[in-house]
């Protein structure tokens, strides 16, 4: 039976480290999550499908988390957090992409532990990404 939890994340901490820490503290290897709140900086990436590389970019300033979702699985035997985020600035402009990190201003994590065998990520040569194994 899935187990749902809500956790406040600490001001000033890195959002990915905070999510990873909650998953580790609760031994979650198979789950999904969402986050609401705000960041004071963000590190994002966009996957270039032609070159098969992530294009990374940092953003400084106050951003509202308009949407943030992700999942928890295993990659190379280790817990792996995969998240995407959409951020809004003070002018209501949106930016988004693959979440690499960011400084928390305020954040609430809603996390669901699926309590099942973890999904495992393997390298897919067609996309150049680490994807869940197909059943």
C-alpha atoms as a PDB file:
ATOM      1  CA  UNK A   1       0.000   0.000   0.000  1.00  0.00           C
ATOM      2  CA  UNK A   2       1.511   3.387  -0.939  1.00  0.00           C
ATOM      3  CA  UNK A   3       2.487   5.582   1.987  1.00  0.00           C
ATOM      4  CA  UNK A   4       2.081   9.353   1.557  1.00  0.00           C
ATOM      5  CA  UNK A   5       3.965  11.948   3.594  1.00  0.00           C
ATOM      6  CA  UNK A   6       4.283  15.720   3.734  1.00  0.00           C
ATOM      7  CA  UNK A   7       7.589  17.237   4.848  1.00  0.00           C
ATOM      8  CA  UNK A   8       8.761  20.833   5.220  1.00  0.00           C
ATOM      9  CA  UNK A   9      12.190  21.434   3.669  1.00  0.00           C
ATOM     10  CA  UNK A  10      14.795  23.613   5.385  1.00  0.00           C
ATOM     11  CA  UNK A  11      15.374  27.250   4.381  1.00  0.00           C
ATOM     12  CA  UNK A  12      18.718  27.719   2.613  1.00  0.00           C
ATOM     13  CA  UNK A  13      19.304  24.049   1.863  1.00  0.00           C
ATOM     14  CA  UNK A  14      19.712  22.635  -1.634  1.00  0.00           C
ATOM     15  CA  UNK A  15      16.379  21.316  -2.901  1.00  0.00           C
ATOM     16  CA  UNK A  16      17.802  18.142  -4.464  1.00  0.00           C
ATOM     17  CA  UNK A  17      19.877  17.352  -1.359  1.00  0.00           C
ATOM     18  CA  UNK A  18      16.780  17.900   0.796  1.00  0.00           C
ATOM     19  CA  UNK A  19      14.618  15.559  -1.313  1.00  0.00           C
ATOM     20  CA  UNK A  20      17.418  12.983  -1.413  1.00  0.00           C
ATOM     21  CA  UNK A  21      17.760  13.242   2.381  1.00  0.00           C
ATOM     22  CA  UNK A  22      14.048  12.660   3.013  1.00  0.00           C
ATOM     23  CA  UNK A  23      14.089   9.625   0.697  1.00  0.00           C
ATOM     24  CA  UNK A  24      17.203   8.241   2.423  1.00  0.00           C
ATOM     25  CA  UNK A  25      15.874   8.855   5.962  1.00  0.00           C
ATOM     26  CA  UNK A  26      12.694   6.954   5.081  1.00  0.00           C
ATOM     27  CA  UNK A  27      14.419   4.295   2.911  1.00  0.00           C
ATOM     28  CA  UNK A  28      12.325   5.173  -0.146  1.00  0.00           C
ATOM     29  CA  UNK A  29      13.702   3.513  -3.295  1.00  0.00           C
ATOM     30  CA  UNK A  30      10.470   3.543  -5.301  1.00  0.00           C
ATOM     31  CA  UNK A  31       8.262   6.597  -5.186  1.00  0.00           C
ATOM     32  CA  UNK A  32       7.191   9.920  -6.578  1.00  0.00           C
ATOM     33  CA  UNK A  33       6.898  13.451  -5.245  1.00  0.00           C
ATOM     34  CA  UNK A  34       5.861  17.031  -5.810  1.00  0.00           C
ATOM     35  CA  UNK A  35       7.148  20.254  -4.268  1.00  0.00           C
ATOM     36  CA  UNK A  36       5.517  23.640  -3.744  1.00  0.00           C
ATOM     37  CA  UNK A  37       7.235  26.766  -2.475  1.00  0.00           C
ATOM     38  CA  UNK A  38       9.959  29.133  -3.632  1.00  0.00           C
ATOM     39  CA  UNK A  39      13.662  29.152  -4.495  1.00  0.00           C
ATOM     40  CA  UNK A  40      16.269  31.921  -4.275  1.00  0.00           C
ATOM     41  CA  UNK A  41      18.382  30.281  -6.999  1.00  0.00           C
ATOM     42  CA  UNK A  42      18.036  27.341  -9.354  1.00  0.00           C
ATOM     43  CA  UNK A  43      20.252  25.082 -11.441  1.00  0.00           C
ATOM     44  CA  UNK A  44      18.432  23.574 -14.401  1.00  0.00           C
ATOM     45  CA  UNK A  45      19.260  21.526 -17.461  1.00  0.00           C
ATOM     46  CA  UNK A  46      17.721  20.984 -20.867  1.00  0.00           C
ATOM     47  CA  UNK A  47      18.417  17.724 -22.706  1.00  0.00           C
ATOM     48  CA  UNK A  48      19.646  18.310 -26.250  1.00  0.00           C
ATOM     49  CA  UNK A  49      18.137  15.344 -28.096  1.00  0.00           C
ATOM     50  CA  UNK A  50      20.410  15.755 -31.112  1.00  0.00           C
ATOM     51  CA  UNK A  51      23.721  16.023 -29.242  1.00  0.00           C
ATOM     52  CA  UNK A  52      22.521  13.773 -26.374  1.00  0.00           C
ATOM     53  CA  UNK A  53      23.912  16.087 -23.689  1.00  0.00           C
ATOM     54  CA  UNK A  54      22.404  18.206 -20.938  1.00  0.00           C
ATOM     55  CA  UNK A  55      22.710  21.990 -21.409  1.00  0.00           C
ATOM     56  CA  UNK A  56      23.063  23.430 -17.897  1.00  0.00           C
ATOM     57  CA  UNK A  57      22.142  26.907 -16.725  1.00  0.00           C
ATOM     58  CA  UNK A  58      21.976  28.686 -13.358  1.00  0.00           C
ATOM     59  CA  UNK A  59      19.375  31.282 -12.379  1.00  0.00           C
ATOM     60  CA  UNK A  60      19.729  33.743  -9.483  1.00  0.00           C
ATOM     61  CA  UNK A  61      16.797  35.579  -7.940  1.00  0.00           C
ATOM     62  CA  UNK A  62      13.423  34.948  -6.353  1.00  0.00           C
ATOM     63  CA  UNK A  63      11.368  32.243  -8.053  1.00  0.00           C
ATOM     64  CA  UNK A  64       8.017  30.725  -7.174  1.00  0.00           C
ATOM     65  CA  UNK A  65       7.772  26.974  -7.766  1.00  0.00           C
ATOM     66  CA  UNK A  66       4.843  26.756 -10.198  1.00  0.00           C
ATOM     67  CA  UNK A  67       5.272  22.995 -10.547  1.00  0.00           C
ATOM     68  CA  UNK A  68       7.836  20.425  -9.474  1.00  0.00           C
ATOM     69  CA  UNK A  69       7.393  16.694  -9.890  1.00  0.00           C
ATOM     70  CA  UNK A  70       9.742  13.771  -9.836  1.00  0.00           C
ATOM     71  CA  UNK A  71      10.375  10.165  -9.001  1.00  0.00           C
ATOM     72  CA  UNK A  72      12.715   7.989  -6.988  1.00  0.00           C
ATOM     73  CA  UNK A  73      14.359   4.889  -8.422  1.00  0.00           C
ATOM     74  CA  UNK A  74      17.751   3.161  -8.543  1.00  0.00           C
ATOM     75  CA  UNK A  75      20.616   3.960 -10.905  1.00  0.00           C
ATOM     76  CA  UNK A  76      23.875   2.010 -10.651  1.00  0.00           C
ATOM     77  CA  UNK A  77      22.599   0.517  -7.385  1.00  0.00           C
ATOM     78  CA  UNK A  78      22.135   3.941  -5.747  1.00  0.00           C
ATOM     79  CA  UNK A  79      18.998   5.924  -4.937  1.00  0.00           C
ATOM     80  CA  UNK A  80      18.350   8.340  -7.811  1.00  0.00           C
ATOM     81  CA  UNK A  81      16.142  11.440  -7.666  1.00  0.00           C
ATOM     82  CA  UNK A  82      14.767  12.611 -11.029  1.00  0.00           C
ATOM     83  CA  UNK A  83      12.868  15.910 -11.016  1.00  0.00           C
ATOM     84  CA  UNK A  84      11.538  18.538 -13.392  1.00  0.00           C
ATOM     85  CA  UNK A  85      10.519  22.026 -12.324  1.00  0.00           C
ATOM     86  CA  UNK A  86       8.706  25.097 -13.640  1.00  0.00           C
ATOM     87  CA  UNK A  87       9.574  28.412 -11.956  1.00  0.00           C
ATOM     88  CA  UNK A  88       7.855  31.807 -12.169  1.00  0.00           C
ATOM     89  CA  UNK A  89       9.653  35.125 -11.664  1.00  0.00           C
ATOM     90  CA  UNK A  90       8.181  38.395 -10.368  1.00  0.00           C
ATOM     91  CA  UNK A  91       7.001  39.297 -13.888  1.00  0.00           C
ATOM     92  CA  UNK A  92       5.182  35.954 -14.253  1.00  0.00           C
ATOM     93  CA  UNK A  93       7.730  34.689 -16.776  1.00  0.00           C
ATOM     94  CA  UNK A  94       8.275  30.935 -16.657  1.00  0.00           C
ATOM     95  CA  UNK A  95      11.445  28.885 -16.918  1.00  0.00           C
ATOM     96  CA  UNK A  96      11.703  25.163 -16.507  1.00  0.00           C
ATOM     97  CA  UNK A  97      13.631  22.016 -17.092  1.00  0.00           C
ATOM     98  CA  UNK A  98      15.459  19.173 -15.429  1.00  0.00           C
ATOM     99  CA  UNK A  99      16.125  20.144 -11.783  1.00  0.00           C
ATOM    100  CA  UNK A 100      19.787  19.882 -10.793  1.00  0.00           C
ATOM    101  CA  UNK A 101      19.576  21.922  -7.589  1.00  0.00           C
ATOM    102  CA  UNK A 102      18.594  25.224  -6.064  1.00  0.00           C
ATOM    103  CA  UNK A 103      18.537  27.172  -2.818  1.00  0.00           C
ATOM    104  CA  UNK A 104      15.280  26.777  -0.872  1.00  0.00           C
ATOM    105  CA  UNK A 105      13.470  29.897   0.325  1.00  0.00           C
ATOM    106  CA  UNK A 106      10.415  27.909   1.422  1.00  0.00           C
ATOM    107  CA  UNK A 107       9.363  24.444   0.294  1.00  0.00           C
ATOM    108  CA  UNK A 108       6.935  21.677   1.143  1.00  0.00           C
ATOM    109  CA  UNK A 109       7.520  18.167  -0.150  1.00  0.00           C
ATOM    110  CA  UNK A 110       4.648  15.756  -0.798  1.00  0.00           C
ATOM    111  CA  UNK A 111       6.201  12.320  -1.195  1.00  0.00           C
ATOM    112  CA  UNK A 112       4.687   8.898  -1.832  1.00  0.00           C
ATOM    113  CA  UNK A 113       6.564   5.718  -0.979  1.00  0.00           C
ATOM    114  CA  UNK A 114       5.290   3.005  -3.315  1.00  0.00           C
ATOM    115  CA  UNK A 115       6.739   0.343  -0.987  1.00  0.00           C
ATOM    116  CA  UNK A 116       7.502  -1.949  -3.897  1.00  0.00           C
ATOM    117  CA  UNK A 117      10.575  -3.227  -5.646  1.00  0.00           C
ATOM    118  CA  UNK A 118      12.482  -0.216  -6.928  1.00  0.00           C
ATOM    119  CA  UNK A 119      12.424   0.743 -10.569  1.00  0.00           C
ATOM    120  CA  UNK A 120      15.944   0.458 -12.004  1.00  0.00           C
ATOM    121  CA  UNK A 121      17.471   2.812 -14.561  1.00  0.00           C
ATOM    122  CA  UNK A 122      19.702   1.502 -17.341  1.00  0.00           C
ATOM    123  CA  UNK A 123      21.476   3.326 -20.138  1.00  0.00           C
ATOM    124  CA  UNK A 124      19.431   3.525 -23.337  1.00  0.00           C
ATOM    125  CA  UNK A 125      21.722   3.985 -26.377  1.00  0.00           C
ATOM    126  CA  UNK A 126      18.874   5.264 -28.575  1.00  0.00           C
ATOM    127  CA  UNK A 127      18.140   8.300 -26.376  1.00  0.00           C
ATOM    128  CA  UNK A 128      21.430   8.562 -24.480  1.00  0.00           C
ATOM    129  CA  UNK A 129      19.444   8.610 -21.227  1.00  0.00           C
ATOM    130  CA  UNK A 130      19.188   6.340 -18.203  1.00  0.00           C
ATOM    131  CA  UNK A 131      15.600   5.070 -18.402  1.00  0.00           C
ATOM    132  CA  UNK A 132      13.529   2.628 -16.375  1.00  0.00           C
ATOM    133  CA  UNK A 133      13.927  -0.960 -17.473  1.00  0.00           C
ATOM    134  CA  UNK A 134      11.065  -2.086 -19.616  1.00  0.00           C
ATOM    135  CA  UNK A 135       9.110  -5.028 -18.198  1.00  0.00           C
END
